Amino acid sequence: MLLQIAQSTQMAWKPLVEEGVKTEGISIKVLQTDEATKRAPTILLKFEAGASYPNHNHPGGEEAFVLEGEVRFGPTQLNTGDYLYTPPGGKHSVFSKTGCVILLIVPEEVEIL
């Protein structure tokens, strides 16, 4: 097994683009890509102030750690240093009033509701 290193400070933020999904004000840095599925289960997301991601389901669950700022996962308010585990089948939207950076581990593709 080869080690994978992602030097996130050397990466540029790229706009998050998902067909048919409103992602204005959200940027991404891919930390790891699963070669078998060709998707990125480990990412950094940056939300500009007022940015949101629509209500969605997590078939494989999710882990989120807030590196900077504040964010709401559904009704749950998280701040810098907070961790959230969403179990498989968990549903929520995401919104940041003032902006944030989040480390996300999402084992399976989300389903927009």
PDB file of N, CA and C in Angstrom:
ATOM      1  N   MET A   1       0.843  -1.186   0.000  1.00  0.00           N
ATOM      2  CA  MET A   1       0.000   0.000   0.000  1.00  0.00           C
ATOM      3  C   MET A   1       0.885   1.244   0.000  1.00  0.00           C
ATOM      4  N   LEU A   2       0.623   2.136  -0.910  1.00  0.00           N
ATOM      5  CA  LEU A   2       1.376   3.382  -0.996  1.00  0.00           C
ATOM      6  C   LEU A   2       0.741   4.458  -0.130  1.00  0.00           C
ATOM      7  N   LEU A   3       1.563   5.220   0.531  1.00  0.00           N
ATOM      8  CA  LEU A   3       1.075   6.362   1.290  1.00  0.00           C
ATOM      9  C   LEU A   3       0.606   7.433   0.314  1.00  0.00           C
ATOM     10  N   GLN A   4      -0.436   8.136   0.687  1.00  0.00           N
ATOM     11  CA  GLN A   4      -0.917   9.254  -0.120  1.00  0.00           C
ATOM     12  C   GLN A   4      -0.795  10.514   0.721  1.00  0.00           C
ATOM     13  N   ILE A   5      -0.153  11.506   0.182  1.00  0.00           N
ATOM     14  CA  ILE A   5       0.001  12.774   0.884  1.00  0.00           C
ATOM     15  C   ILE A   5      -0.654  13.863   0.054  1.00  0.00           C
ATOM     16  N   ALA A   6      -1.493  14.641   0.709  1.00  0.00           N
ATOM     17  CA  ALA A   6      -2.124  15.792   0.062  1.00  0.00           C
ATOM     18  C   ALA A   6      -1.627  17.039   0.779  1.00  0.00           C
ATOM     19  N   GLN A   7      -0.924  17.879   0.075  1.00  0.00           N
ATOM     20  CA  GLN A   7      -0.431  19.131   0.657  1.00  0.00           C
ATOM     21  C   GLN A   7      -1.460  20.215   0.372  1.00  0.00           C
ATOM     22  N   SER A   8      -2.465  20.264   1.229  1.00  0.00           N
ATOM     23  CA  SER A   8      -3.626  21.126   0.966  1.00  0.00           C
ATOM     24  C   SER A   8      -3.276  22.605   0.880  1.00  0.00           C
ATOM     25  N   THR A   9      -2.230  23.027   1.579  1.00  0.00           N
ATOM     26  CA  THR A   9      -1.861  24.448   1.497  1.00  0.00           C
ATOM     27  C   THR A   9      -1.272  24.792   0.135  1.00  0.00           C
ATOM     28  N   GLN A  10      -0.834  23.784  -0.610  1.00  0.00           N
ATOM     29  CA  GLN A  10      -0.290  24.005  -1.950  1.00  0.00           C
ATOM     30  C   GLN A  10      -1.371  23.903  -3.032  1.00  0.00           C
ATOM     31  N   MET A  11      -2.569  23.475  -2.662  1.00  0.00           N
ATOM     32  CA  MET A  11      -3.661  23.299  -3.626  1.00  0.00           C
ATOM     33  C   MET A  11      -4.487  24.575  -3.731  1.00  0.00           C
ATOM     34  N   ALA A  12      -5.006  24.815  -4.919  1.00  0.00           N
ATOM     35  CA  ALA A  12      -5.923  25.935  -5.123  1.00  0.00           C
ATOM     36  C   ALA A  12      -7.352  25.473  -4.826  1.00  0.00           C
ATOM     37  N   TRP A  13      -8.149  26.356  -4.252  1.00  0.00           N
ATOM     38  CA  TRP A  13      -9.567  26.074  -4.097  1.00  0.00           C
ATOM     39  C   TRP A  13     -10.200  26.098  -5.478  1.00  0.00           C
ATOM     40  N   LYS A  14     -11.067  25.116  -5.756  1.00  0.00           N
ATOM     41  CA  LYS A  14     -11.781  25.059  -7.027  1.00  0.00           C
ATOM     42  C   LYS A  14     -13.276  25.124  -6.750  1.00  0.00           C
ATOM     43  N   PRO A  15     -14.037  25.782  -7.611  1.00  0.00           N
ATOM     44  CA  PRO A  15     -15.485  25.822  -7.392  1.00  0.00           C
ATOM     45  C   PRO A  15     -16.058  24.399  -7.362  1.00  0.00           C
ATOM     46  N   LEU A  16     -16.949  24.146  -6.409  1.00  0.00           N
ATOM     47  CA  LEU A  16     -17.643  22.854  -6.369  1.00  0.00           C
ATOM     48  C   LEU A  16     -18.701  22.871  -7.466  1.00  0.00           C
ATOM     49  N   VAL A  17     -18.626  21.911  -8.366  1.00  0.00           N
ATOM     50  CA  VAL A  17     -19.570  21.832  -9.479  1.00  0.00           C
ATOM     51  C   VAL A  17     -20.247  20.469  -9.428  1.00  0.00           C
ATOM     52  N   GLU A  18     -21.567  20.484  -9.272  1.00  0.00           N
ATOM     53  CA  GLU A  18     -22.371  19.267  -9.307  1.00  0.00           C
ATOM     54  C   GLU A  18     -23.569  19.555 -10.193  1.00  0.00           C
ATOM     55  N   GLU A  19     -23.733  18.761 -11.225  1.00  0.00           N
ATOM     56  CA  GLU A  19     -24.806  18.988 -12.187  1.00  0.00           C
ATOM     57  C   GLU A  19     -26.168  19.023 -11.494  1.00  0.00           C
ATOM     58  N   GLY A  20     -26.924  20.092 -11.740  1.00  0.00           N
ATOM     59  CA  GLY A  20     -28.268  20.230 -11.206  1.00  0.00           C
ATOM     60  C   GLY A  20     -28.339  20.634  -9.742  1.00  0.00           C
ATOM     61  N   VAL A  21     -27.187  20.963  -9.125  1.00  0.00           N
ATOM     62  CA  VAL A  21     -27.163  21.322  -7.706  1.00  0.00           C
ATOM     63  C   VAL A  21     -26.615  22.738  -7.565  1.00  0.00           C
ATOM     64  N   LYS A  22     -27.304  23.569  -6.757  1.00  0.00           N
ATOM     65  CA  LYS A  22     -26.861  24.939  -6.507  1.00  0.00           C
ATOM     66  C   LYS A  22     -25.669  24.898  -5.543  1.00  0.00           C
ATOM     67  N   THR A  23     -24.490  25.259  -6.042  1.00  0.00           N
ATOM     68  CA  THR A  23     -23.273  25.196  -5.229  1.00  0.00           C
ATOM     69  C   THR A  23     -22.508  26.523  -5.223  1.00  0.00           C
ATOM     70  N   GLU A  24     -23.186  27.621  -5.558  1.00  0.00           N
ATOM     71  CA  GLU A  24     -22.520  28.923  -5.581  1.00  0.00           C
ATOM     72  C   GLU A  24     -21.940  29.221  -4.201  1.00  0.00           C
ATOM     73  N   GLY A  25     -20.699  29.709  -4.182  1.00  0.00           N
ATOM     74  CA  GLY A  25     -20.060  30.083  -2.934  1.00  0.00           C
ATOM     75  C   GLY A  25     -19.414  28.923  -2.194  1.00  0.00           C
ATOM     76  N   ILE A  26     -19.359  27.742  -2.826  1.00  0.00           N
ATOM     77  CA  ILE A  26     -18.717  26.576  -2.205  1.00  0.00           C
ATOM     78  C   ILE A  26     -17.528  26.161  -3.064  1.00  0.00           C
ATOM     79  N   SER A  27     -16.380  25.989  -2.415  1.00  0.00           N
ATOM     80  CA  SER A  27     -15.152  25.564  -3.095  1.00  0.00           C
ATOM     81  C   SER A  27     -14.651  24.267  -2.481  1.00  0.00           C
ATOM     82  N   ILE A  28     -13.838  23.537  -3.256  1.00  0.00           N
ATOM     83  CA  ILE A  28     -13.381  22.217  -2.839  1.00  0.00           C
ATOM     84  C   ILE A  28     -11.882  22.050  -3.048  1.00  0.00           C
ATOM     85  N   LYS A  29     -11.283  21.251  -2.166  1.00  0.00           N
ATOM     86  CA  LYS A  29      -9.942  20.704  -2.348  1.00  0.00           C
ATOM     87  C   LYS A  29     -10.076  19.197  -2.132  1.00  0.00           C
ATOM     88  N   VAL A  30      -9.682  18.408  -3.110  1.00  0.00           N
ATOM     89  CA  VAL A  30      -9.761  16.951  -3.015  1.00  0.00           C
ATOM     90  C   VAL A  30      -8.500  16.445  -2.313  1.00  0.00           C
ATOM     91  N   LEU A  31      -8.685  15.752  -1.190  1.00  0.00           N
ATOM     92  CA  LEU A  31      -7.553  15.222  -0.436  1.00  0.00           C
ATOM     93  C   LEU A  31      -7.237  13.779  -0.807  1.00  0.00           C
ATOM     94  N   GLN A  32      -8.262  13.040  -1.220  1.00  0.00           N
ATOM     95  CA  GLN A  32      -8.041  11.640  -1.582  1.00  0.00           C
ATOM     96  C   GLN A  32      -9.098  11.219  -2.587  1.00  0.00           C
ATOM     97  N   THR A  33      -8.687  10.451  -3.595  1.00  0.00           N
ATOM     98  CA  THR A  33      -9.615   9.919  -4.592  1.00  0.00           C
ATOM     99  C   THR A  33      -9.570   8.404  -4.531  1.00  0.00           C
ATOM    100  N   ASP A  34     -10.743   7.790  -4.518  1.00  0.00           N
ATOM    101  CA  ASP A  34     -10.855   6.330  -4.543  1.00  0.00           C
ATOM    102  C   ASP A  34     -10.734   5.893  -6.000  1.00  0.00           C
ATOM    103  N   GLU A  35      -9.680   5.181  -6.321  1.00  0.00           N
ATOM    104  CA  GLU A  35      -9.433   4.778  -7.708  1.00  0.00           C
ATOM    105  C   GLU A  35     -10.526   3.850  -8.238  1.00  0.00           C
ATOM    106  N   ALA A  36     -11.095   3.012  -7.380  1.00  0.00           N
ATOM    107  CA  ALA A  36     -12.125   2.066  -7.823  1.00  0.00           C
ATOM    108  C   ALA A  36     -13.401   2.783  -8.249  1.00  0.00           C
ATOM    109  N   THR A  37     -13.811   3.808  -7.484  1.00  0.00           N
ATOM    110  CA  THR A  37     -15.065   4.507  -7.776  1.00  0.00           C
ATOM    111  C   THR A  37     -14.854   5.814  -8.532  1.00  0.00           C
ATOM    112  N   LYS A  38     -13.600   6.274  -8.605  1.00  0.00           N
ATOM    113  CA  LYS A  38     -13.267   7.546  -9.260  1.00  0.00           C
ATOM    114  C   LYS A  38     -13.962   8.737  -8.595  1.00  0.00           C
ATOM    115  N   ARG A  39     -14.212   8.630  -7.289  1.00  0.00           N
ATOM    116  CA  ARG A  39     -14.790   9.753  -6.557  1.00  0.00           C
ATOM    117  C   ARG A  39     -13.916  10.086  -5.358  1.00  0.00           C
ATOM    118  N   ALA A  40     -14.134  11.253  -4.811  1.00  0.00           N
ATOM    119  CA  ALA A  40     -13.307  11.748  -3.709  1.00  0.00           C
ATOM    120  C   ALA A  40     -14.063  11.622  -2.384  1.00  0.00           C
ATOM    121  N   PRO A  41     -13.723  10.626  -1.555  1.00  0.00           N
ATOM    122  CA  PRO A  41     -14.402  10.480  -0.273  1.00  0.00           C
ATOM    123  C   PRO A  41     -13.873  11.417   0.813  1.00  0.00           C
ATOM    124  N   THR A  42     -12.672  11.980   0.609  1.00  0.00           N
ATOM    125  CA  THR A  42     -12.082  12.861   1.616  1.00  0.00           C
ATOM    126  C   THR A  42     -11.772  14.200   0.970  1.00  0.00           C
ATOM    127  N   ILE A  43     -12.446  15.244   1.467  1.00  0.00           N
ATOM    128  CA  ILE A  43     -12.351  16.567   0.848  1.00  0.00           C
ATOM    129  C   ILE A  43     -12.326  17.668   1.897  1.00  0.00           C
ATOM    130  N   LEU A  44     -11.882  18.833   1.472  1.00  0.00           N
ATOM    131  CA  LEU A  44     -12.082  20.068   2.214  1.00  0.00           C
ATOM    132  C   LEU A  44     -13.115  20.874   1.441  1.00  0.00           C
ATOM    133  N   LEU A  45     -14.093  21.423   2.147  1.00  0.00           N
ATOM    134  CA  LEU A  45     -15.050  22.343   1.524  1.00  0.00           C
ATOM    135  C   LEU A  45     -14.945  23.687   2.211  1.00  0.00           C
ATOM    136  N   LYS A  46     -14.984  24.743   1.404  1.00  0.00           N
ATOM    137  CA  LYS A  46     -15.013  26.111   1.928  1.00  0.00           C
ATOM    138  C   LYS A  46     -16.329  26.745   1.513  1.00  0.00           C
ATOM    139  N   PHE A  47     -17.090  27.198   2.492  1.00  0.00           N
ATOM    140  CA  PHE A  47     -18.343  27.905   2.256  1.00  0.00           C
ATOM    141  C   PHE A  47     -18.091  29.391   2.469  1.00  0.00           C
ATOM    142  N   GLU A  48     -18.416  30.201   1.471  1.00  0.00           N
ATOM    143  CA  GLU A  48     -18.391  31.647   1.651  1.00  0.00           C
ATOM    144  C   GLU A  48     -19.590  32.029   2.525  1.00  0.00           C
ATOM    145  N   ALA A  49     -19.574  33.216   3.084  1.00  0.00           N
ATOM    146  CA  ALA A  49     -20.688  33.673   3.908  1.00  0.00           C
ATOM    147  C   ALA A  49     -21.995  33.590   3.122  1.00  0.00           C
ATOM    148  N   GLY A  50     -22.994  32.940   3.702  1.00  0.00           N
ATOM    149  CA  GLY A  50     -24.310  32.811   3.081  1.00  0.00           C
ATOM    150  C   GLY A  50     -24.465  31.628   2.144  1.00  0.00           C
ATOM    151  N   ALA A  51     -23.411  30.852   1.919  1.00  0.00           N
ATOM    152  CA  ALA A  51     -23.492  29.706   1.000  1.00  0.00           C
ATOM    153  C   ALA A  51     -24.241  28.544   1.658  1.00  0.00           C
ATOM    154  N   SER A  52     -24.897  27.757   0.808  1.00  0.00           N
ATOM    155  CA  SER A  52     -25.641  26.603   1.319  1.00  0.00           C
ATOM    156  C   SER A  52     -25.568  25.448   0.335  1.00  0.00           C
ATOM    157  N   TYR A  53     -25.795  24.244   0.868  1.00  0.00           N
ATOM    158  CA  TYR A  53     -25.867  23.018   0.063  1.00  0.00           C
ATOM    159  C   TYR A  53     -27.220  22.397   0.386  1.00  0.00           C
ATOM    160  N   PRO A  54     -27.971  21.957  -0.641  1.00  0.00           N
ATOM    161  CA  PRO A  54     -29.352  21.528  -0.420  1.00  0.00           C
ATOM    162  C   PRO A  54     -29.488  20.258   0.430  1.00  0.00           C
ATOM    163  N   ASN A  55     -30.708  20.023   0.872  1.00  0.00           N
ATOM    164  CA  ASN A  55     -31.037  18.837   1.671  1.00  0.00           C
ATOM    165  C   ASN A  55     -30.624  17.583   0.903  1.00  0.00           C
ATOM    166  N   HIS A  56     -29.936  16.671   1.595  1.00  0.00           N
ATOM    167  CA  HIS A  56     -29.418  15.476   0.938  1.00  0.00           C
ATOM    168  C   HIS A  56     -29.334  14.312   1.926  1.00  0.00           C
ATOM    169  N   ASN A  57     -29.249  13.109   1.374  1.00  0.00           N
ATOM    170  CA  ASN A  57     -29.141  11.871   2.141  1.00  0.00           C
ATOM    171  C   ASN A  57     -27.706  11.348   2.045  1.00  0.00           C
ATOM    172  N   HIS A  58     -27.246  10.744   3.131  1.00  0.00           N
ATOM    173  CA  HIS A  58     -25.926  10.117   3.174  1.00  0.00           C
ATOM    174  C   HIS A  58     -26.082   8.602   3.286  1.00  0.00           C
ATOM    175  N   PRO A  59     -26.131   7.868   2.148  1.00  0.00           N
ATOM    176  CA  PRO A  59     -26.290   6.419   2.209  1.00  0.00           C
ATOM    177  C   PRO A  59     -25.166   5.726   2.989  1.00  0.00           C
ATOM    178  N   GLY A  60     -23.959   6.282   2.942  1.00  0.00           N
ATOM    179  CA  GLY A  60     -22.818   5.677   3.631  1.00  0.00           C
ATOM    180  C   GLY A  60     -22.377   6.439   4.869  1.00  0.00           C
ATOM    181  N   GLY A  61     -23.187   7.397   5.321  1.00  0.00           N
ATOM    182  CA  GLY A  61     -22.808   8.212   6.462  1.00  0.00           C
ATOM    183  C   GLY A  61     -21.840   9.322   6.074  1.00  0.00           C
ATOM    184  N   GLU A  62     -21.358  10.037   7.083  1.00  0.00           N
ATOM    185  CA  GLU A  62     -20.476  11.181   6.853  1.00  0.00           C
ATOM    186  C   GLU A  62     -19.775  11.539   8.152  1.00  0.00           C
ATOM    187  N   GLU A  63     -18.550  12.025   8.025  1.00  0.00           N
ATOM    188  CA  GLU A  63     -17.841  12.624   9.148  1.00  0.00           C
ATOM    189  C   GLU A  63     -17.450  14.033   8.739  1.00  0.00           C
ATOM    190  N   ALA A  64     -17.645  14.985   9.640  1.00  0.00           N
ATOM    191  CA  ALA A  64     -17.323  16.380   9.351  1.00  0.00           C
ATOM    192  C   ALA A  64     -16.591  16.985  10.541  1.00  0.00           C
ATOM    193  N   PHE A  65     -15.514  17.720  10.249  1.00  0.00           N
ATOM    194  CA  PHE A  65     -14.761  18.429  11.274  1.00  0.00           C
ATOM    195  C   PHE A  65     -14.599  19.870  10.808  1.00  0.00           C
ATOM    196  N   VAL A  66     -15.052  20.812  11.622  1.00  0.00           N
ATOM    197  CA  VAL A  66     -14.994  22.228  11.255  1.00  0.00           C
ATOM    198  C   VAL A  66     -13.611  22.779  11.599  1.00  0.00           C
ATOM    199  N   LEU A  67     -12.866  23.149  10.563  1.00  0.00           N
ATOM    200  CA  LEU A  67     -11.515  23.684  10.738  1.00  0.00           C
ATOM    201  C   LEU A  67     -11.531  25.179  11.028  1.00  0.00           C
ATOM    202  N   GLU A  68     -12.485  25.880  10.408  1.00  0.00           N
ATOM    203  CA  GLU A  68     -12.598  27.337  10.581  1.00  0.00           C
ATOM    204  C   GLU A  68     -14.063  27.732  10.464  1.00  0.00           C
ATOM    205  N   GLY A  69     -14.481  28.705  11.260  1.00  0.00           N
ATOM    206  CA  GLY A  69     -15.789  29.318  11.080  1.00  0.00           C
ATOM    207  C   GLY A  69     -16.934  28.576  11.748  1.00  0.00           C
ATOM    208  N   GLU A  70     -18.121  28.788  11.195  1.00  0.00           N
ATOM    209  CA  GLU A  70     -19.338  28.180  11.735  1.00  0.00           C
ATOM    210  C   GLU A  70     -20.194  27.668  10.598  1.00  0.00           C
ATOM    211  N   VAL A  71     -21.004  26.640  10.895  1.00  0.00           N
ATOM    212  CA  VAL A  71     -21.839  26.022   9.873  1.00  0.00           C
ATOM    213  C   VAL A  71     -23.003  25.299  10.551  1.00  0.00           C
ATOM    214  N   ARG A  72     -24.104  25.233   9.843  1.00  0.00           N
ATOM    215  CA  ARG A  72     -25.260  24.481  10.334  1.00  0.00           C
ATOM    216  C   ARG A  72     -25.459  23.252   9.447  1.00  0.00           C
ATOM    217  N   PHE A  73     -25.558  22.100  10.077  1.00  0.00           N
ATOM    218  CA  PHE A  73     -25.943  20.860   9.410  1.00  0.00           C
ATOM    219  C   PHE A  73     -27.369  20.610   9.860  1.00  0.00           C
ATOM    220  N   GLY A  74     -28.352  20.975   9.003  1.00  0.00           N
ATOM    221  CA  GLY A  74     -29.747  20.939   9.442  1.00  0.00           C
ATOM    222  C   GLY A  74     -29.888  21.884  10.619  1.00  0.00           C
ATOM    223  N   PRO A  75     -30.499  21.433  11.732  1.00  0.00           N
ATOM    224  CA  PRO A  75     -30.686  22.320  12.892  1.00  0.00           C
ATOM    225  C   PRO A  75     -29.459  22.397  13.806  1.00  0.00           C
ATOM    226  N   THR A  76     -28.416  21.639  13.513  1.00  0.00           N
ATOM    227  CA  THR A  76     -27.254  21.539  14.404  1.00  0.00           C
ATOM    228  C   THR A  76     -26.192  22.572  14.053  1.00  0.00           C
ATOM    229  N   GLN A  77     -25.892  23.443  15.006  1.00  0.00           N
ATOM    230  CA  GLN A  77     -24.867  24.482  14.839  1.00  0.00           C
ATOM    231  C   GLN A  77     -23.507  23.910  15.226  1.00  0.00           C
ATOM    232  N   LEU A  78     -22.516  24.055  14.338  1.00  0.00           N
ATOM    233  CA  LEU A  78     -21.148  23.641  14.619  1.00  0.00           C
ATOM    234  C   LEU A  78     -20.217  24.835  14.466  1.00  0.00           C
ATOM    235  N   ASN A  79     -19.160  24.840  15.276  1.00  0.00           N
ATOM    236  CA  ASN A  79     -18.173  25.909  15.250  1.00  0.00           C
ATOM    237  C   ASN A  79     -16.777  25.305  15.128  1.00  0.00           C
ATOM    238  N   THR A  80     -15.766  26.152  14.960  1.00  0.00           N
ATOM    239  CA  THR A  80     -14.387  25.701  14.837  1.00  0.00           C
ATOM    240  C   THR A  80     -14.073  24.655  15.909  1.00  0.00           C
ATOM    241  N   GLY A  81     -13.525  23.508  15.458  1.00  0.00           N
ATOM    242  CA  GLY A  81     -13.150  22.443  16.378  1.00  0.00           C
ATOM    243  C   GLY A  81     -14.219  21.401  16.619  1.00  0.00           C
ATOM    244  N   ASP A  82     -15.441  21.634  16.133  1.00  0.00           N
ATOM    245  CA  ASP A  82     -16.531  20.677  16.341  1.00  0.00           C
ATOM    246  C   ASP A  82     -16.491  19.566  15.305  1.00  0.00           C
ATOM    247  N   TYR A  83     -16.928  18.370  15.736  1.00  0.00           N
ATOM    248  CA  TYR A  83     -16.981  17.171  14.889  1.00  0.00           C
ATOM    249  C   TYR A  83     -18.421  16.687  14.839  1.00  0.00           C
ATOM    250  N   LEU A  84     -18.835  16.224  13.656  1.00  0.00           N
ATOM    251  CA  LEU A  84     -20.185  15.676  13.470  1.00  0.00           C
ATOM    252  C   LEU A  84     -20.089  14.337  12.765  1.00  0.00           C
ATOM    253  N   TYR A  85     -20.768  13.339  13.311  1.00  0.00           N
ATOM    254  CA  TYR A  85     -20.926  12.054  12.625  1.00  0.00           C
ATOM    255  C   TYR A  85     -22.372  11.934  12.197  1.00  0.00           C
ATOM    256  N   THR A  86     -22.596  11.746  10.906  1.00  0.00           N
ATOM    257  CA  THR A  86     -23.929  11.496  10.370  1.00  0.00           C
ATOM    258  C   THR A  86     -23.988  10.009  10.029  1.00  0.00           C
ATOM    259  N   PRO A  87     -24.900   9.240  10.658  1.00  0.00           N
ATOM    260  CA  PRO A  87     -24.967   7.807  10.377  1.00  0.00           C
ATOM    261  C   PRO A  87     -25.508   7.544   8.972  1.00  0.00           C
ATOM    262  N   PRO A  88     -25.283   6.348   8.421  1.00  0.00           N
ATOM    263  CA  PRO A  88     -25.850   6.010   7.114  1.00  0.00           C
ATOM    264  C   PRO A  88     -27.353   6.267   7.103  1.00  0.00           C
ATOM    265  N   GLY A  89     -27.810   6.908   6.034  1.00  0.00           N
ATOM    266  CA  GLY A  89     -29.221   7.264   5.914  1.00  0.00           C
ATOM    267  C   GLY A  89     -29.567   8.608   6.530  1.00  0.00           C
ATOM    268  N   GLY A  90     -28.578   9.278   7.129  1.00  0.00           N
ATOM    269  CA  GLY A  90     -28.809  10.593   7.729  1.00  0.00           C
ATOM    270  C   GLY A  90     -29.044  11.644   6.650  1.00  0.00           C
ATOM    271  N   LYS A  91     -29.931  12.584   6.953  1.00  0.00           N
ATOM    272  CA  LYS A  91     -30.301  13.622   5.982  1.00  0.00           C
ATOM    273  C   LYS A  91     -30.155  15.002   6.616  1.00  0.00           C
ATOM    274  N   HIS A  92     -29.684  15.964   5.819  1.00  0.00           N
ATOM    275  CA  HIS A  92     -29.595  17.346   6.278  1.00  0.00           C
ATOM    276  C   HIS A  92     -29.223  18.262   5.104  1.00  0.00           C
ATOM    277  N   SER A  93     -29.401  19.546   5.335  1.00  0.00           N
ATOM    278  CA  SER A  93     -28.866  20.566   4.439  1.00  0.00           C
ATOM    279  C   SER A  93     -27.671  21.176   5.171  1.00  0.00           C
ATOM    280  N   VAL A  94     -26.910  22.034   4.480  1.00  0.00           N
ATOM    281  CA  VAL A  94     -25.744  22.681   5.092  1.00  0.00           C
ATOM    282  C   VAL A  94     -25.804  24.167   4.748  1.00  0.00           C
ATOM    283  N   PHE A  95     -25.536  25.017   5.757  1.00  0.00           N
ATOM    284  CA  PHE A  95     -25.572  26.459   5.554  1.00  0.00           C
ATOM    285  C   PHE A  95     -24.552  27.120   6.470  1.00  0.00           C
ATOM    286  N   SER A  96     -23.825  28.099   5.945  1.00  0.00           N
ATOM    287  CA  SER A  96     -22.905  28.876   6.768  1.00  0.00           C
ATOM    288  C   SER A  96     -23.227  30.354   6.641  1.00  0.00           C
ATOM    289  N   LYS A  97     -23.599  30.968   7.736  1.00  0.00           N
ATOM    290  CA  LYS A  97     -23.935  32.391   7.744  1.00  0.00           C
ATOM    291  C   LYS A  97     -22.697  33.252   7.518  1.00  0.00           C
ATOM    292  N   THR A  98     -21.568  32.874   8.137  1.00  0.00           N
ATOM    293  CA  THR A  98     -20.373  33.720   8.089  1.00  0.00           C
ATOM    294  C   THR A  98     -19.209  33.114   7.308  1.00  0.00           C
ATOM    295  N   GLY A  99     -19.347  31.858   6.874  1.00  0.00           N
ATOM    296  CA  GLY A  99     -18.293  31.170   6.139  1.00  0.00           C
ATOM    297  C   GLY A  99     -17.582  30.142   7.005  1.00  0.00           C
ATOM    298  N   CYS A 100     -16.986  29.134   6.354  1.00  0.00           N
ATOM    299  CA  CYS A 100     -16.310  28.071   7.093  1.00  0.00           C
ATOM    300  C   CYS A 100     -15.432  27.239   6.161  1.00  0.00           C
ATOM    301  N   VAL A 101     -14.570  26.427   6.775  1.00  0.00           N
ATOM    302  CA  VAL A 101     -13.816  25.397   6.086  1.00  0.00           C
ATOM    303  C   VAL A 101     -14.056  24.106   6.859  1.00  0.00           C
ATOM    304  N   ILE A 102     -14.444  23.042   6.143  1.00  0.00           N
ATOM    305  CA  ILE A 102     -14.803  21.767   6.762  1.00  0.00           C
ATOM    306  C   ILE A 102     -14.021  20.630   6.117  1.00  0.00           C
ATOM    307  N   LEU A 103     -13.504  19.727   6.944  1.00  0.00           N
ATOM    308  CA  LEU A 103     -12.949  18.468   6.476  1.00  0.00           C
ATOM    309  C   LEU A 103     -14.092  17.463   6.464  1.00  0.00           C
ATOM    310  N   LEU A 104     -14.336  16.844   5.298  1.00  0.00           N
ATOM    311  CA  LEU A 104     -15.429  15.881   5.167  1.00  0.00           C
ATOM    312  C   LEU A 104     -14.916  14.535   4.691  1.00  0.00           C
ATOM    313  N   ILE A 105     -15.445  13.486   5.301  1.00  0.00           N
ATOM    314  CA  ILE A 105     -15.228  12.120   4.846  1.00  0.00           C
ATOM    315  C   ILE A 105     -16.600  11.563   4.510  1.00  0.00           C
ATOM    316  N   VAL A 106     -16.826  11.317   3.232  1.00  0.00           N
ATOM    317  CA  VAL A 106     -18.137  10.885   2.716  1.00  0.00           C
ATOM    318  C   VAL A 106     -17.909   9.612   1.900  1.00  0.00           C
ATOM    319  N   PRO A 107     -18.083   8.427   2.527  1.00  0.00           N
ATOM    320  CA  PRO A 107     -17.737   7.159   1.850  1.00  0.00           C
ATOM    321  C   PRO A 107     -18.541   6.844   0.600  1.00  0.00           C
ATOM    322  N   GLU A 108     -19.790   7.315   0.523  1.00  0.00           N
ATOM    323  CA  GLU A 108     -20.627   7.067  -0.657  1.00  0.00           C
ATOM    324  C   GLU A 108     -21.209   8.383  -1.146  1.00  0.00           C
ATOM    325  N   GLU A 109     -21.501   8.446  -2.445  1.00  0.00           N
ATOM    326  CA  GLU A 109     -22.083   9.644  -3.051  1.00  0.00           C
ATOM    327  C   GLU A 109     -23.388  10.011  -2.347  1.00  0.00           C
ATOM    328  N   VAL A 110     -23.588  11.315  -2.091  1.00  0.00           N
ATOM    329  CA  VAL A 110     -24.839  11.766  -1.478  1.00  0.00           C
ATOM    330  C   VAL A 110     -25.960  11.757  -2.511  1.00  0.00           C
ATOM    331  N   GLU A 111     -27.188  11.719  -2.014  1.00  0.00           N
ATOM    332  CA  GLU A 111     -28.381  11.771  -2.873  1.00  0.00           C
ATOM    333  C   GLU A 111     -29.128  13.061  -2.538  1.00  0.00           C
ATOM    334  N   ILE A 112     -29.257  13.949  -3.519  1.00  0.00           N
ATOM    335  CA  ILE A 112     -29.988  15.197  -3.315  1.00  0.00           C
ATOM    336  C   ILE A 112     -31.471  14.860  -3.171  1.00  0.00           C
ATOM    337  N   LEU A 113     -32.127  15.457  -2.183  1.00  0.00           N
ATOM    338  CA  LEU A 113     -33.553  15.184  -1.930  1.00  0.00           C
ATOM    339  C   LEU A 113     -34.442  16.268  -2.525  1.00  0.00           C
TER     340      LEU A 113
END
